[in-house]
C-alpha atoms as a PDB file:
ATOM      1  CA  MET A   1       0.712 -17.084  -5.626  1.00  0.00           C
ATOM      2  CA  ARG A   2      -0.751 -19.729  -3.391  1.00  0.00           C
ATOM      3  CA  LEU A   3      -2.024 -17.107  -0.928  1.00  0.00           C
ATOM      4  CA  LEU A   4      -4.202 -15.466  -3.571  1.00  0.00           C
ATOM      5  CA  GLU A   5      -5.540 -18.851  -4.725  1.00  0.00           C
ATOM      6  CA  THR A   6      -6.556 -19.684  -1.147  1.00  0.00           C
ATOM      7  CA  ILE A   7      -8.279 -16.333  -0.757  1.00  0.00           C
ATOM      8  CA  GLU A   8     -10.202 -16.811  -4.014  1.00  0.00           C
ATOM      9  CA  GLU A   9     -11.423 -20.264  -2.890  1.00  0.00           C
ATOM     10  CA  ALA A  10     -12.889 -18.943   0.378  1.00  0.00           C
ATOM     11  CA  TRP A  11     -14.221 -15.573  -0.695  1.00  0.00           C
ATOM     12  CA  ALA A  12     -16.478 -14.340  -3.465  1.00  0.00           C
ATOM     13  CA  ASN A  13     -16.820 -10.821  -4.853  1.00  0.00           C
ATOM     14  CA  GLY A  14     -13.456  -9.774  -3.494  1.00  0.00           C
ATOM     15  CA  SER A  15     -10.962  -7.128  -4.447  1.00  0.00           C
ATOM     16  CA  PHE A  16      -7.279  -6.810  -3.635  1.00  0.00           C
ATOM     17  CA  GLU A  17      -6.142  -3.366  -4.821  1.00  0.00           C
ATOM     18  CA  PRO A  18      -2.753  -1.672  -4.391  1.00  0.00           C
ATOM     19  CA  GLN A  19      -3.222   1.788  -2.852  1.00  0.00           C
ATOM     20  CA  GLU A  20       0.394   2.949  -2.673  1.00  0.00           C
ATOM     21  CA  VAL A  21       3.845   1.659  -3.605  1.00  0.00           C
ATOM     22  CA  ILE A  22       6.826   2.916  -1.625  1.00  0.00           C
ATOM     23  CA  ASP A  23      10.114   2.231  -3.404  1.00  0.00           C
ATOM     24  CA  PHE A  24      13.309   1.559  -1.424  1.00  0.00           C
ATOM     25  CA  GLY A  25      15.439   0.498  -4.393  1.00  0.00           C
ATOM     26  CA  ARG A  26      15.764  -3.277  -3.993  1.00  0.00           C
ATOM     27  CA  ARG A  27      12.697  -3.332  -1.739  1.00  0.00           C
ATOM     28  CA  GLN A  28       9.154  -2.183  -2.379  1.00  0.00           C
ATOM     29  CA  LEU A  29       6.354  -1.798   0.114  1.00  0.00           C
ATOM     30  CA  VAL A  30       2.891  -2.205  -1.399  1.00  0.00           C
ATOM     31  CA  LEU A  31      -0.012  -0.938   0.739  1.00  0.00           C
ATOM     32  CA  ILE A  32      -3.254  -2.689  -0.180  1.00  0.00           C
ATOM     33  CA  HIS A  33      -6.993  -2.302   0.335  1.00  0.00           C
ATOM     34  CA  SER A  34      -8.912  -5.579   0.301  1.00  0.00           C
ATOM     35  CA  HIS A  35     -12.616  -6.267   0.556  1.00  0.00           C
ATOM     36  CA  ALA A  36     -14.406  -9.594   0.254  1.00  0.00           C
ATOM     37  CA  ARG A  37     -17.696 -11.348   0.879  1.00  0.00           C
ATOM     38  CA  GLY A  38     -17.700 -14.981   1.996  1.00  0.00           C
ATOM     39  CA  ARG A  39     -18.591 -17.613  -0.568  1.00  0.00           C
ATOM     40  CA  GLY A  40     -22.075 -18.869   0.415  1.00  0.00           C
ATOM     41  CA  ARG A  41     -22.044 -16.839   3.647  1.00  0.00           C
ATOM     42  CA  ASP A  42     -22.994 -13.402   4.876  1.00  0.00           C
ATOM     43  CA  ALA A  43     -19.457 -12.774   6.158  1.00  0.00           C
ATOM     44  CA  GLU A  44     -17.790  -9.650   4.861  1.00  0.00           C
ATOM     45  CA  ILE A  45     -14.316  -8.271   5.527  1.00  0.00           C
ATOM     46  CA  GLU A  46     -12.382  -5.124   4.767  1.00  0.00           C
ATOM     47  CA  GLN A  47      -8.654  -5.052   5.462  1.00  0.00           C
ATOM     48  CA  HIS A  48      -5.570  -2.978   4.790  1.00  0.00           C
ATOM     49  CA  PRO A  49      -2.655  -5.439   4.457  1.00  0.00           C
ATOM     50  CA  ALA A  50       0.742  -4.902   2.839  1.00  0.00           C
ATOM     51  CA  PHE A  51       3.450  -6.772   0.948  1.00  0.00           C
ATOM     52  CA  LEU A  52       7.137  -6.037   1.420  1.00  0.00           C
ATOM     53  CA  MET A  53       8.928  -7.347  -1.665  1.00  0.00           C
ATOM     54  CA  ILE A  54      12.637  -7.756  -2.357  1.00  0.00           C
ATOM     55  CA  TRP A  55      13.772  -7.650  -5.983  1.00  0.00           C
ATOM     56  CA  ARG A  56      16.901  -9.062  -7.608  1.00  0.00           C
ATOM     57  CA  ALA A  57      17.663  -9.035 -11.347  1.00  0.00           C
ATOM     58  CA  GLY A  58      14.115  -7.890 -12.134  1.00  0.00           C
ATOM     59  CA  ARG A  59      12.428 -10.692 -10.148  1.00  0.00           C
ATOM     60  CA  ILE A  60      10.793 -10.893  -6.761  1.00  0.00           C
ATOM     61  CA  VAL A  61      13.012 -13.083  -4.580  1.00  0.00           C
ATOM     62  CA  ARG A  62      11.058 -12.583  -1.361  1.00  0.00           C
ATOM     63  CA  ALA A  63       7.595 -11.299  -0.486  1.00  0.00           C
ATOM     64  CA  ASP A  64       6.492 -10.835   3.112  1.00  0.00           C
ATOM     65  CA  TYR A  65       2.772 -10.411   3.780  1.00  0.00           C
ATOM     66  CA  TYR A  66       1.611  -8.230   6.659  1.00  0.00           C
ATOM     67  CA  LEU A  67      -2.010  -8.359   7.743  1.00  0.00           C
ATOM     68  CA  PHE A  68      -1.734  -4.814   9.080  1.00  0.00           C
ATOM     69  CA  GLN A  69      -0.017  -1.932   7.296  1.00  0.00           C
ATOM     70  CA  ASP A  70       1.438  -0.533  10.530  1.00  0.00           C
ATOM     71  CA  GLN A  71       3.397  -3.796  10.969  1.00  0.00           C
ATOM     72  CA  ALA A  72       4.841  -3.412   7.467  1.00  0.00           C
ATOM     73  CA  LEU A  73       5.705   0.229   8.059  1.00  0.00           C
ATOM     74  CA  GLU A  74       7.482  -0.749  11.285  1.00  0.00           C
ATOM     75  CA  ALA A  75       9.422  -3.499   9.457  1.00  0.00           C
ATOM     76  CA  THR A  76      10.745  -0.895   7.000  1.00  0.00           C
ATOM     77  CA  GLY A  77      11.523   1.639   9.721  1.00  0.00           C
ATOM     78  CA  LEU A  78       8.877   4.111   8.516  1.00  0.00           C
ATOM     79  CA  SER A  79       6.919   4.210  11.767  1.00  0.00           C
END
């Protein structure tokens, strides 16, 4: 994924870990914990984004990235 490549270029010592997967059949919501330290900088971030993925025939056909989990939960009607 291009997004992950971009993140890896800018940040060092980072992690991007799924915390929970909520299954809606064709759709899956993946809640994530991410932490990173800037490459060559003292910047440090901790975030809780989410991916909402749509599957068809065993493949992801769409993946929407949400910077904030509450936005993703709202998009699925869970909040």
